[in-house]
Every structure is written in structure tokens, then in C-alpha cells.
Amino acid sequence: MKKLPINVIFFPLVALMIPTTVMAEEPANVSTESVPSSKPEIVGPEKEEITDSDDEHDLDIRISPVTIPGEAYDIDIPIPFFIHNNANHIIYNGADWSKLREAFISSNSSPVSIVHIGDSHIQADISTGTTRELLQYDFGNAGRGLISPLKISGTNEPRDYVFQSRNSWNPVKLMSASWRQTVGFTGTSIRPTSNSSEFTLGTVDTDDYNPFTSATIFHNGKFVIKEITTLEGDPVSYRAIPSHDYTQIVMSSGVTKINVKFTSAGDLTIFGASLSGDRPGVFYHAIGNNGATYDTYNRIGTVGSGINPLQPNLVILSLGTNEAFGKFDTGSFTRSVDRLVKNVKTANPDALILLTTPMECHRSVTTTKKVRVRNKRRKGRKATYRTVNKAVKSYAVNRNIAPIRQAIMNYGKEHGIAVYDWYEVAGGNGASAHWITNGLFAKDRVHHTQQGYNLEGRLVYEAIMDALREHAK
């Protein structure tokens, strides 16, 4: 594909067939006691409160969002009026991004590697998929990059790759209460239940990531490849190159899907794989886990060293939404950000780091209303009334998002780390109302619709391109 110069922004008129996030219907009104069918009359002020059931409802949505295949949207959608285009740029905070521009200029001979780490907004890979497609259209497609066995782990998985198995596995996810085995940098871990097993990985036929000529399997423990075949059972010529934390499989020719048969000694855990076409261009690796926070990635402890083999030029950290549910402490949050940033930076000293702020979202609240209802009327008697409390489930702006955004902004400024202020770009204070009205927020008012994620991915792409042009001056 022909590359475009860095000073040109081009939006291809193509569509992404990737999943849209569809949430449960809004909760029905719940009354604290049974009242007659007569229409109640509000007689007192409303009192808004957040209950334990509200938190449990929000947690379930954030950890287990429901995804179904969605209708394709053009990723070159119009920019809505409420988007703050004048804020759609990287705030460098003194960081030197000239090396990233140099890497993109050299992408025709050596791939650029971007690693984007986040929560459920990233796991579905809709917004990141849009950014990936646009950057690879301009600079070349080096390969699909990192894929994780999310479906084997029992959670939603992007639809542009295959990572599956007919065998039985013991899975552990990042947000599991306890880990019975090692969890790698992807936040996912699967362990075979037998010493001989197999799995299939590859790209879907409708994407232009095909074919790939090498696959790097990230794992812990002994991993001995016995045979690699096509899905039809034809043998694939390959060479296995083992390393401490991964095994690289180099094939003699390009393939779209492979079946890997292997043996292990009972200590094997697999975290993911990276598919490469061994060609120049851009890798855009996405690591997302539903419900994830800075602290949960810190719990892994090896995120920085885990992504090192991906040779990242840029690491993007998009977290903070989940921290906004529950009590928020600025000092504790800032320390968590600092720990993850240092973990990534120590293992990848040449990589740039970009923090993003979460946009305004909603949380569940219970609103208590005092209402005047009519008692059951006896024949010949005058109607009487009583006042009762009625609890109504609804949504309100999550007030913790704004201070989390400010904490990230402050941290970036104090430590010379670049920040992409998605909070402001998305519309700032009051943005969530516009996103809801314009069909860009899902019904849970935390996640976006597919169109909303496509918009976010396009804006991130524009901000990166703006950064490349800025350092060309």
C-alpha cells in the first residue's frame, strides 16, 4: 500500500467489522415499599445516594460488558460539534517526541511499535482497531501484532483474530480475586490441563493482516512444539527459537492460521502471541482487560519487561475509568500511576510514554423521593393519603472522573510525561450528555457504542499525526 507523507492526513473510506458494546437496559424503578396503583405525587425534595447495590451493578458492567457483532460504521464519521478539536493534540510536558517521528520516517525499513494498555475500552479493540487501521494505511501494515487468548479465558475477544483450542485449559483473568497461576503482561493466563495439547491462532480472512510469517508465543514454563499444521492438516515448515519468556516460531512461507501441537511439563502458562509479517510498517498492539486499573496492572509486576520483546517506540496508558467507581484518593491514585510508569520505563528506557485521561461518564445512583399516595378507599369514606419513600434507580455524572483527570494531568506535568487529554477532547465537562444524545454512549453510560469508539480511535490517530507534524517543524 502506498504510504503518505507525515504532513498529510488521509482518512480512508472503509468500514470496520468489529464488535460494538451493547449494554443492559436501564434499571427499572424500584420502590422501597408497596404502594397503591394511584399516581403518586412528589411532596418532598429528592435525595441522591450511592448504595452498595449501585456499586455492584456498575462493577458487573465494567468487568463483564456484553458484546455482539455490530453493524459496520464508516470510520471517517463527521466530527460532532461538541468535540473540542482545538484540544486534540498531545501535551508534551517537555518530553521529546522527535525520535518517534524519526521512527515513523524509517517505517519503510524498520517497523514502528506502539503498545496501548488499558481497560474494557481497549479490550474490545474497537477504538484501537480504528487507530491501527488508519496508521497502517498511511505507513504500512507490519502485522496484526499482539493477540490474547481472551475467549479461552471466558471473556470477550476482538473479532479480527483467532486464538482458540479444542482442549481443556485452566484460565485466570486479571480481575480474578485470586490467581492460581502466573498472570502475564497481557492480563490473561491459560494453563493446559494435559501435558499434550494444541491451539489455533491466526487472522480472519477479511482483514489485510494476512499472511503472517512468524508468531511469538509469550509463556512461562516449558513449551515444546511437536508439530505445526494448517487447519486442513498440512504440515508447515518452521523453526522454533526459544527464549526466557517466549518462543518465536518462524515459518518458511506466509500463513493465515496455524495449529500448534505441543507438550509441556505441567508448569506451562500462556499469555498471548504476536503475529508478524516480517515486513516494515506499523504494529499497534492493544492490551485491554475489563475492569482494569493502574493497581491491577501493578499487581502483575512484569508489564514493563513483558512488553519489552515488542520493542515499543510508544507506550500508551489509558486507565482511570474504573478507579472512579468507589472512593477516590488522589495521593493513592498518583502513586499507582507512578509505579506503573516506572515499571514500563525501567524495562523500556527508549520508549515514549503517553498517559490519557478518561472522559466524563455516569454511574448508577439511587434517588429517594417522598411521594404522597392514596390509601385504599373504603366505601362511603373520604379518601385519605400517606407519605412514603420511593427509591428510583437512575444515572448521574460520576464526580470522581474530573479529579482523576486532573491527577493524571498533574502527574504528567510534574514528571515530564506526555498526556492526551481525552476528557477535554471528548467535550469536557458535560460531554456525556452530548454523547448520550448523539448515540455515542452505550446504555450503561460508561462504554461507547461502536460509532463512539470509532470516533475516539480517529481522534487519537489525528493527535498522533499532529505530533509527528509538530516535530517536523
Protein backbone atom coordinates (compact mmCIF):
# COMPACT_ATOMS: atom_id res chain seq x y z
CA MET A 1 0.00 0.00 0.00
CA LYS A 2 1.32 3.42 -0.89
CA LYS A 3 2.44 5.45 2.12
CA LEU A 4 1.52 9.04 2.65
CA PRO A 5 3.93 11.70 3.85
CA ILE A 6 3.71 12.63 7.52
CA ASN A 7 2.44 16.10 6.73
CA VAL A 8 -0.68 14.67 5.08
CA ILE A 9 -3.65 13.25 6.95
CA PHE A 10 -5.84 10.84 4.99
CA PHE A 11 -9.00 9.12 6.14
CA PRO A 12 -9.77 6.03 4.05
CA LEU A 13 -13.44 5.39 3.34
CA VAL A 14 -13.53 1.91 4.78
CA ALA A 15 -15.54 0.17 7.47
CA LEU A 16 -14.52 -1.93 10.45
CA MET A 17 -16.44 -5.14 11.12
CA ILE A 18 -15.67 -5.32 14.82
CA PRO A 19 -17.90 -5.76 17.86
CA THR A 20 -19.96 -2.99 19.32
CA THR A 21 -20.56 -2.85 23.04
CA VAL A 22 -24.21 -3.34 23.91
CA MET A 23 -25.29 -2.90 27.48
CA ALA A 24 -28.23 -3.98 29.54
CA GLU A 25 -31.39 -1.92 29.67
CA GLU A 26 -31.54 0.81 32.27
CA PRO A 27 -32.79 -0.46 35.62
CA ALA A 28 -36.50 -0.19 36.28
CA ASN A 29 -37.74 2.00 39.10
CA VAL A 30 -37.66 0.18 42.43
CA SER A 31 -39.91 1.13 45.32
CA THR A 32 -38.97 0.67 48.95
CA GLU A 33 -42.50 -0.45 49.81
CA SER A 34 -45.68 -1.48 48.10
CA VAL A 35 -47.93 1.43 47.20
CA PRO A 36 -51.36 1.63 45.58
CA SER A 37 -51.66 2.00 41.83
CA SER A 38 -52.84 5.59 42.17
CA LYS A 39 -50.39 8.01 40.62
CA PRO A 40 -48.08 9.28 43.41
CA GLU A 41 -47.50 12.95 44.00
CA ILE A 42 -43.97 14.09 44.89
CA VAL A 43 -44.16 16.06 48.11
CA GLY A 44 -40.52 16.36 49.19
CA PRO A 45 -37.06 17.03 47.79
CA GLU A 46 -35.14 14.23 46.04
CA LYS A 47 -32.14 12.77 47.84
CA GLU A 48 -29.41 11.21 45.69
CA GLU A 49 -27.24 8.50 47.20
CA ILE A 50 -24.94 5.72 46.02
CA THR A 51 -25.70 2.34 47.56
CA ASP A 52 -23.85 -0.99 47.67
CA SER A 53 -26.24 -2.36 45.04
CA ASP A 54 -25.36 0.58 42.77
CA ASP A 55 -21.65 -0.24 43.06
CA GLU A 56 -22.30 -3.94 42.39
CA HIS A 57 -24.33 -3.07 39.29
CA ASP A 58 -21.57 -0.81 37.97
CA LEU A 59 -18.86 -3.37 38.75
CA ASP A 60 -20.68 -6.13 36.86
CA ILE A 61 -20.98 -3.92 33.78
CA ARG A 62 -17.34 -2.84 33.88
CA ILE A 63 -15.95 -6.37 34.36
CA SER A 64 -18.37 -8.23 32.08
CA PRO A 65 -19.62 -5.93 29.30
CA VAL A 66 -21.84 -7.68 26.77
CA THR A 67 -20.59 -7.57 23.19
CA ILE A 68 -22.28 -8.69 19.99
CA PRO A 69 -21.31 -8.24 16.33
CA GLY A 70 -22.41 -4.77 15.33
CA GLU A 71 -23.35 -3.02 12.14
CA ALA A 72 -20.30 -1.62 10.39
CA TYR A 73 -19.73 2.12 10.58
CA ASP A 74 -17.55 4.25 8.35
CA ILE A 75 -14.55 5.20 10.47
CA ASP A 76 -14.42 8.55 8.68
CA ILE A 77 -17.52 9.75 10.52
CA PRO A 78 -18.14 13.53 10.82
CA ILE A 79 -16.69 15.20 13.89
CA PRO A 80 -19.61 16.31 16.13
CA PHE A 81 -19.86 19.97 17.16
CA PHE A 82 -19.21 19.24 20.84
CA ILE A 83 -15.78 17.69 20.22
CA HIS A 84 -13.05 20.15 21.21
CA ASN A 85 -10.85 19.91 18.13
CA ASN A 86 -8.59 22.68 19.38
CA ALA A 87 -7.62 20.38 22.29
CA ASN A 88 -6.95 17.34 20.11
CA HIS A 89 -3.19 17.26 20.46
CA ILE A 90 -0.51 15.74 22.65
CA ILE A 91 0.54 17.80 25.68
CA TYR A 92 4.28 17.04 25.69
CA ASN A 93 5.16 18.35 29.18
CA GLY A 94 8.74 18.68 27.98
CA ALA A 95 9.01 15.15 26.53
CA ASP A 96 10.95 14.94 23.27
CA TRP A 97 8.86 13.21 20.61
CA SER A 98 11.30 13.80 17.74
CA LYS A 99 12.57 10.20 17.94
CA LEU A 100 9.06 8.92 17.32
CA ARG A 101 8.85 11.00 14.16
CA GLU A 102 12.20 9.58 13.07
CA ALA A 103 10.89 6.09 13.70
CA PHE A 104 7.85 6.75 11.51
CA ILE A 105 10.06 8.22 8.76
CA SER A 106 12.06 4.97 8.85
CA SER A 107 8.96 2.76 8.98
CA ASN A 108 9.57 1.73 5.37
CA SER A 109 12.63 -0.20 6.53
CA SER A 110 12.01 -0.92 10.23
CA PRO A 111 8.59 -1.30 11.90
CA VAL A 112 7.22 1.23 14.40
CA SER A 113 5.80 -0.43 17.51
CA ILE A 114 3.03 1.12 19.62
CA VAL A 115 1.69 -0.66 22.72
CA HIS A 116 -1.66 0.59 24.05
CA ILE A 117 -2.61 -0.65 27.54
CA GLY A 118 -6.00 -0.10 29.14
CA ASP A 119 -9.29 -1.43 30.46
CA SER A 120 -12.53 -2.57 28.78
CA HIS A 121 -12.36 0.42 26.43
CA ILE A 122 -9.27 -1.27 24.97
CA GLN A 123 -10.16 -4.96 25.36
CA ALA A 124 -12.82 -4.87 22.64
CA ASP A 125 -10.18 -3.24 20.37
CA ILE A 126 -12.70 -1.03 18.56
CA SER A 127 -11.14 2.39 19.09
CA THR A 128 -7.60 0.97 18.97
CA GLY A 129 -8.57 -1.02 15.89
CA THR A 130 -9.57 2.22 14.17
CA THR A 131 -6.30 3.92 15.12
CA ARG A 132 -4.38 0.84 13.95
CA GLU A 133 -6.11 0.76 10.58
CA LEU A 134 -5.55 4.45 9.89
CA LEU A 135 -1.87 4.40 10.87
CA GLN A 136 -1.21 1.24 8.91
CA TYR A 137 -2.96 2.69 5.87
CA ASP A 138 -0.54 5.61 5.94
CA PHE A 139 2.69 3.86 6.92
CA GLY A 140 2.27 0.19 6.10
CA ASN A 141 0.99 -2.91 7.84
CA ALA A 142 3.71 -4.77 9.75
CA GLY A 143 1.22 -7.35 11.05
CA ARG A 144 -1.66 -7.87 13.48
CA GLY A 145 0.69 -7.79 16.43
CA LEU A 146 -0.32 -8.90 19.91
CA ILE A 147 -3.32 -11.21 20.39
CA SER A 148 -4.52 -12.74 23.67
CA PRO A 149 -6.49 -15.94 24.44
CA LEU A 150 -9.40 -13.93 25.80
CA LYS A 151 -12.13 -16.26 24.55
CA ILE A 152 -10.42 -19.30 26.10
CA SER A 153 -10.32 -17.26 29.32
CA GLY A 154 -14.09 -16.80 29.15
CA THR A 155 -14.32 -13.16 28.15
CA ASN A 156 -14.95 -11.05 25.05
CA GLU A 157 -12.32 -11.07 22.33
CA PRO A 158 -11.75 -8.85 19.26
CA ARG A 159 -13.15 -10.37 16.08
CA ASP A 160 -10.19 -9.82 13.75
CA TYR A 161 -8.10 -12.71 15.09
CA VAL A 162 -8.42 -16.33 16.18
CA PHE A 163 -6.95 -17.78 19.37
CA GLN A 164 -8.81 -20.97 20.19
CA SER A 165 -8.39 -24.58 21.27
CA ARG A 166 -10.33 -27.82 21.38
CA ASN A 167 -8.58 -28.83 24.60
CA SER A 168 -9.31 -28.01 28.22
CA TRP A 169 -7.49 -25.12 29.92
CA ASN A 170 -7.37 -23.52 33.35
CA PRO A 171 -7.85 -19.78 32.78
CA VAL A 172 -7.10 -16.87 35.08
CA LYS A 173 -8.03 -13.27 34.30
CA LEU A 174 -6.53 -10.04 35.60
CA MET A 175 -9.59 -9.23 37.70
CA SER A 176 -9.86 -12.70 39.29
CA ALA A 177 -9.95 -12.44 43.07
CA SER A 178 -7.07 -14.90 43.38
CA TRP A 179 -4.50 -16.17 40.91
CA ARG A 180 -3.82 -19.90 40.95
CA GLN A 181 -1.08 -19.44 38.34
CA THR A 182 1.17 -16.74 36.90
CA VAL A 183 -0.59 -13.91 35.07
CA GLY A 184 1.49 -12.36 32.32
CA PHE A 185 1.70 -8.82 30.98
CA THR A 186 -1.44 -9.31 28.86
CA GLY A 187 -3.54 -9.77 32.00
CA THR A 188 -4.60 -13.21 30.74
CA SER A 189 -3.22 -16.63 31.61
CA ILE A 190 -4.22 -20.10 30.37
CA ARG A 191 -2.73 -23.39 31.52
CA PRO A 192 -3.35 -26.70 29.68
CA THR A 193 -4.88 -29.46 31.77
CA SER A 194 -2.87 -32.15 29.99
CA ASN A 195 0.80 -32.47 29.01
CA SER A 196 -0.06 -32.74 25.31
CA SER A 197 -2.29 -30.07 23.84
CA GLU A 198 -2.79 -27.72 20.90
CA PHE A 199 -4.18 -24.35 19.95
CA THR A 200 -5.05 -22.46 16.77
CA LEU A 201 -4.12 -18.87 16.12
CA GLY A 202 -4.29 -16.57 13.13
CA THR A 203 -6.08 -13.68 11.46
CA VAL A 204 -9.53 -13.60 9.89
CA ASP A 205 -9.80 -13.82 6.13
CA THR A 206 -11.48 -10.42 5.70
CA ASP A 207 -8.54 -8.41 7.08
CA ASP A 208 -5.36 -7.46 5.27
CA TYR A 209 -3.09 -8.61 8.12
CA ASN A 210 -2.71 -11.84 6.13
CA PRO A 211 -0.42 -13.56 5.87
CA PHE A 212 2.00 -13.73 8.80
CA THR A 213 5.38 -15.43 8.69
CA SER A 214 6.26 -15.51 12.38
CA ALA A 215 4.39 -15.93 15.66
CA THR A 216 5.93 -15.17 19.04
CA ILE A 217 4.27 -17.17 21.82
CA PHE A 218 4.57 -15.49 25.24
CA HIS A 219 4.61 -18.03 28.05
CA ASN A 220 6.05 -19.14 31.36
CA GLY A 221 7.31 -22.70 31.83
CA LYS A 222 8.39 -25.43 29.43
CA PHE A 223 6.86 -25.24 25.94
CA VAL A 224 7.97 -27.85 23.38
CA ILE A 225 6.45 -27.60 19.91
CA LYS A 226 5.83 -31.00 18.32
CA GLU A 227 4.12 -30.05 15.06
CA ILE A 228 2.61 -27.08 13.22
CA THR A 229 -0.02 -27.59 10.56
CA THR A 230 -2.59 -25.66 8.56
CA LEU A 231 -6.25 -26.05 9.55
CA GLU A 232 -6.50 -28.62 6.78
CA GLY A 233 -3.78 -30.68 8.46
CA ASP A 234 -0.98 -29.94 6.01
CA PRO A 235 2.44 -29.64 7.70
CA VAL A 236 4.02 -26.18 7.97
CA SER A 237 7.77 -25.82 7.74
CA TYR A 238 9.01 -23.83 10.73
CA ARG A 239 11.90 -23.05 13.03
CA ALA A 240 11.38 -22.58 16.78
CA ILE A 241 13.59 -20.08 18.60
CA PRO A 242 13.15 -20.39 22.39
CA SER A 243 13.87 -17.58 24.81
CA HIS A 244 13.34 -17.00 28.51
CA ASP A 245 9.80 -15.59 28.33
CA TYR A 246 8.70 -16.50 24.82
CA THR A 247 9.20 -18.83 21.86
CA GLN A 248 9.37 -17.43 18.35
CA ILE A 249 8.03 -19.55 15.53
CA VAL A 250 9.48 -18.59 12.14
CA MET A 251 7.79 -20.15 9.10
CA SER A 252 9.22 -20.62 5.64
CA SER A 253 6.18 -19.03 3.99
CA GLY A 254 3.22 -16.88 4.91
CA VAL A 255 0.15 -18.40 6.54
CA THR A 256 -3.22 -17.10 7.76
CA LYS A 257 -3.90 -19.66 10.50
CA ILE A 258 -1.79 -22.33 12.15
CA ASN A 259 -2.48 -25.19 14.53
CA VAL A 260 0.30 -25.63 17.10
CA LYS A 261 0.70 -29.01 18.81
CA PHE A 262 2.96 -29.04 21.86
CA THR A 263 3.93 -30.76 25.07
CA SER A 264 4.62 -29.28 28.49
CA ALA A 265 5.84 -30.38 31.88
CA GLY A 266 2.80 -29.16 33.82
CA ASP A 267 4.25 -25.74 34.59
CA LEU A 268 3.24 -24.03 31.33
CA THR A 269 1.14 -20.87 31.25
CA ILE A 270 0.46 -18.98 28.01
CA PHE A 271 -0.27 -15.24 27.93
CA GLY A 272 -0.61 -14.38 24.26
CA ALA A 273 1.12 -14.24 20.88
CA SER A 274 2.35 -11.62 18.44
CA LEU A 275 1.77 -12.15 14.72
CA SER A 276 4.22 -10.52 12.33
CA GLY A 277 4.52 -10.35 8.59
CA ASP A 278 8.23 -9.61 8.96
CA ARG A 279 7.75 -6.52 6.87
CA PRO A 280 8.02 -2.76 7.55
CA GLY A 281 5.15 -0.57 8.66
CA VAL A 282 3.33 -0.16 11.98
CA PHE A 283 2.48 -2.53 14.80
CA TYR A 284 -0.32 -1.31 17.05
CA HIS A 285 -0.50 -3.76 19.96
CA ALA A 286 -3.54 -3.49 22.25
CA ILE A 287 -3.67 -4.89 25.80
CA GLY A 288 -7.07 -4.46 27.43
CA ASN A 289 -8.76 -6.03 30.44
CA ASN A 290 -12.30 -5.42 31.61
CA GLY A 291 -12.34 -3.66 34.98
CA ALA A 292 -8.59 -2.95 34.94
CA THR A 293 -6.93 -0.16 36.94
CA TYR A 294 -3.37 1.04 37.42
CA ASP A 295 -3.24 -1.07 40.58
CA THR A 296 -4.33 -4.29 38.87
CA TYR A 297 -1.57 -3.95 36.26
CA ASN A 298 0.86 -3.16 39.08
CA ARG A 299 -0.28 -6.40 40.68
CA ILE A 300 1.23 -8.28 37.70
CA GLY A 301 4.55 -6.57 38.33
CA THR A 302 6.06 -7.56 34.96
CA VAL A 303 4.19 -5.38 32.48
CA GLY A 304 7.32 -3.45 31.51
CA SER A 305 9.53 -6.49 30.97
CA GLY A 306 6.63 -8.34 29.33
CA ILE A 307 6.18 -5.79 26.55
CA ASN A 308 9.94 -5.39 26.02
CA PRO A 309 10.11 -8.04 23.26
CA LEU A 310 7.55 -5.96 21.34
CA GLN A 311 10.25 -3.25 21.14
CA PRO A 312 7.82 -0.37 21.76
CA ASN A 313 8.58 3.10 20.45
CA LEU A 314 5.49 4.41 22.24
CA VAL A 315 3.51 3.02 25.20
CA ILE A 316 0.03 4.48 25.78
CA LEU A 317 -1.61 4.02 29.19
CA SER A 318 -5.40 4.53 29.11
CA LEU A 319 -6.70 3.87 32.61
CA GLY A 320 -8.64 5.74 35.28
CA THR A 321 -12.29 5.00 34.47
CA ASN A 322 -12.56 2.08 36.90
CA GLU A 323 -10.81 3.99 39.67
CA ALA A 324 -13.70 6.47 39.51
CA PHE A 325 -16.14 3.89 40.92
CA GLY A 326 -15.83 3.78 44.68
CA LYS A 327 -13.87 6.04 46.99
CA PHE A 328 -11.12 8.02 45.30
CA ASP A 329 -7.90 9.22 46.94
CA THR A 330 -5.65 11.46 44.83
CA GLY A 331 -2.44 10.51 46.63
CA SER A 332 -3.00 6.78 46.37
CA PHE A 333 -4.02 7.05 42.72
CA THR A 334 -0.97 9.14 41.82
CA ARG A 335 1.33 6.60 43.46
CA SER A 336 -0.29 3.85 41.40
CA VAL A 337 0.26 5.81 38.18
CA ASP A 338 3.88 6.43 39.13
CA ARG A 339 4.53 2.77 39.88
CA LEU A 340 3.25 1.57 36.50
CA VAL A 341 5.01 4.33 34.58
CA LYS A 342 8.32 3.48 36.27
CA ASN A 343 7.79 -0.24 35.67
CA VAL A 344 7.30 0.39 31.94
CA LYS A 345 10.08 2.95 31.69
CA THR A 346 12.69 0.89 33.53
CA ALA A 347 12.30 -2.05 31.16
CA ASN A 348 11.85 0.12 28.06
CA PRO A 349 14.09 3.19 28.55
CA ASP A 350 13.92 4.27 24.88
CA ALA A 351 10.12 4.16 24.68
CA LEU A 352 7.97 7.26 24.96
CA ILE A 353 5.07 7.09 27.40
CA LEU A 354 1.71 8.73 26.79
CA LEU A 355 -0.95 8.96 29.51
CA THR A 356 -4.57 9.52 28.53
CA THR A 357 -7.33 10.91 30.73
CA PRO A 358 -10.76 9.23 30.93
CA MET A 359 -13.75 11.13 29.60
CA GLU A 360 -16.81 12.04 31.65
CA CYS A 361 -19.13 9.10 32.27
CA HIS A 362 -22.03 8.18 34.54
CA ARG A 363 -22.57 5.87 37.46
CA SER A 364 -25.66 4.28 38.96
CA VAL A 365 -27.37 6.16 41.74
CA THR A 366 -30.45 5.63 43.85
CA THR A 367 -32.70 8.67 44.16
CA THR A 368 -35.07 8.64 47.13
CA LYS A 369 -38.29 10.58 46.67
CA LYS A 370 -41.03 11.29 49.18
CA VAL A 371 -44.35 10.75 47.45
CA ARG A 372 -47.96 11.19 48.58
CA VAL A 373 -50.14 8.19 47.74
CA ARG A 374 -53.79 7.46 48.38
CA ASN A 375 -54.78 4.77 50.86
CA LYS A 376 -57.24 2.11 49.88
CA ARG A 377 -60.61 3.84 49.96
CA ARG A 378 -63.46 2.35 51.94
CA LYS A 379 -66.97 2.72 50.65
CA GLY A 380 -68.63 5.86 51.93
CA ARG A 381 -65.41 7.16 53.45
CA LYS A 382 -63.40 10.20 52.40
CA ALA A 383 -60.11 9.49 50.61
CA THR A 384 -57.03 9.54 52.85
CA TYR A 385 -53.36 9.82 51.96
CA ARG A 386 -49.95 8.90 53.36
CA THR A 387 -46.36 9.82 52.53
CA VAL A 388 -43.89 7.06 51.61
CA ASN A 389 -40.34 6.87 50.33
CA LYS A 390 -39.78 5.65 46.79
CA ALA A 391 -36.33 4.61 45.60
CA VAL A 392 -35.61 5.10 41.91
CA LYS A 393 -32.54 3.73 40.10
CA SER A 394 -31.03 6.23 37.70
CA TYR A 395 -27.71 7.63 36.48
CA ALA A 396 -25.66 10.71 37.30
CA VAL A 397 -22.30 12.13 36.23
CA ASN A 398 -19.50 10.28 38.00
CA ARG A 399 -17.96 13.08 40.06
CA ASN A 400 -14.67 11.19 40.51
CA ILE A 401 -13.73 11.41 36.83
CA ALA A 402 -12.81 15.11 36.95
CA PRO A 403 -10.32 14.79 39.85
CA ILE A 404 -8.83 11.65 38.25
CA ARG A 405 -8.33 13.59 35.05
CA GLN A 406 -6.65 16.39 36.99
CA ALA A 407 -4.40 13.94 38.85
CA ILE A 408 -3.18 12.48 35.54
CA MET A 409 -2.63 15.96 34.10
CA ASN A 410 -0.65 16.99 37.19
CA TYR A 411 1.44 13.82 37.18
CA GLY A 412 2.38 14.26 33.52
CA LYS A 413 3.36 17.89 34.08
CA GLU A 414 5.45 17.13 37.19
CA HIS A 415 7.28 14.15 35.67
CA GLY A 416 7.74 15.25 32.07
CA ILE A 417 5.36 12.59 30.72
CA ALA A 418 3.17 13.44 27.72
CA VAL A 419 -0.61 13.45 28.20
CA TYR A 420 -3.52 13.12 25.79
CA ASP A 421 -6.44 14.85 27.50
CA TRP A 422 -9.29 12.73 26.16
CA TYR A 423 -11.55 14.25 28.83
CA GLU A 424 -11.25 17.67 27.20
CA VAL A 425 -11.15 16.44 23.61
CA ALA A 426 -14.39 14.46 24.08
CA GLY A 427 -16.19 17.64 25.15
CA GLY A 428 -15.01 18.36 28.68
CA ASN A 429 -17.49 19.00 31.47
CA GLY A 430 -20.96 17.97 30.27
CA ALA A 431 -19.66 15.84 27.38
CA SER A 432 -21.52 12.73 28.50
CA ALA A 433 -24.91 14.36 27.84
CA HIS A 434 -23.89 15.10 24.24
CA TRP A 435 -22.54 11.59 23.74
CA ILE A 436 -25.79 10.08 25.05
CA THR A 437 -27.97 12.33 22.89
CA ASN A 438 -25.94 11.58 19.77
CA GLY A 439 -25.88 7.80 20.20
CA LEU A 440 -22.17 7.58 21.04
CA PHE A 441 -22.59 6.22 24.59
CA ALA A 442 -23.86 2.73 25.32
CA LYS A 443 -26.85 2.32 27.62
CA ASP A 444 -24.62 1.79 30.65
CA ARG A 445 -23.22 5.33 30.08
CA VAL A 446 -19.67 4.09 30.74
CA HIS A 447 -18.79 2.41 27.46
CA HIS A 448 -19.30 3.78 23.95
CA THR A 449 -21.22 2.46 21.00
CA GLN A 450 -19.19 1.20 18.06
CA GLN A 451 -19.59 4.58 16.39
CA GLY A 452 -18.37 6.31 19.55
CA TYR A 453 -15.26 4.12 19.70
CA ASN A 454 -14.60 4.69 16.00
CA LEU A 455 -14.73 8.43 16.67
CA GLU A 456 -12.31 8.10 19.60
CA GLY A 457 -9.90 6.00 17.53
CA ARG A 458 -9.92 8.50 14.72
CA LEU A 459 -9.25 11.42 17.06
CA VAL A 460 -6.32 9.58 18.68
CA TYR A 461 -4.94 8.97 15.19
CA GLU A 462 -5.24 12.67 14.36
CA ALA A 463 -3.46 13.62 17.59
CA ILE A 464 -0.57 11.26 16.81
CA MET A 465 -0.31 12.62 13.28
CA ASP A 466 -0.35 16.16 14.67
CA ALA A 467 2.53 15.21 16.99
CA LEU A 468 4.53 13.89 14.03
CA ARG A 469 3.96 17.09 12.06
CA GLU A 470 4.82 19.20 15.11
CA HIS A 471 8.24 17.64 15.39
CA ALA A 472 8.79 18.06 11.67
CA LYS A 473 8.99 21.83 12.12
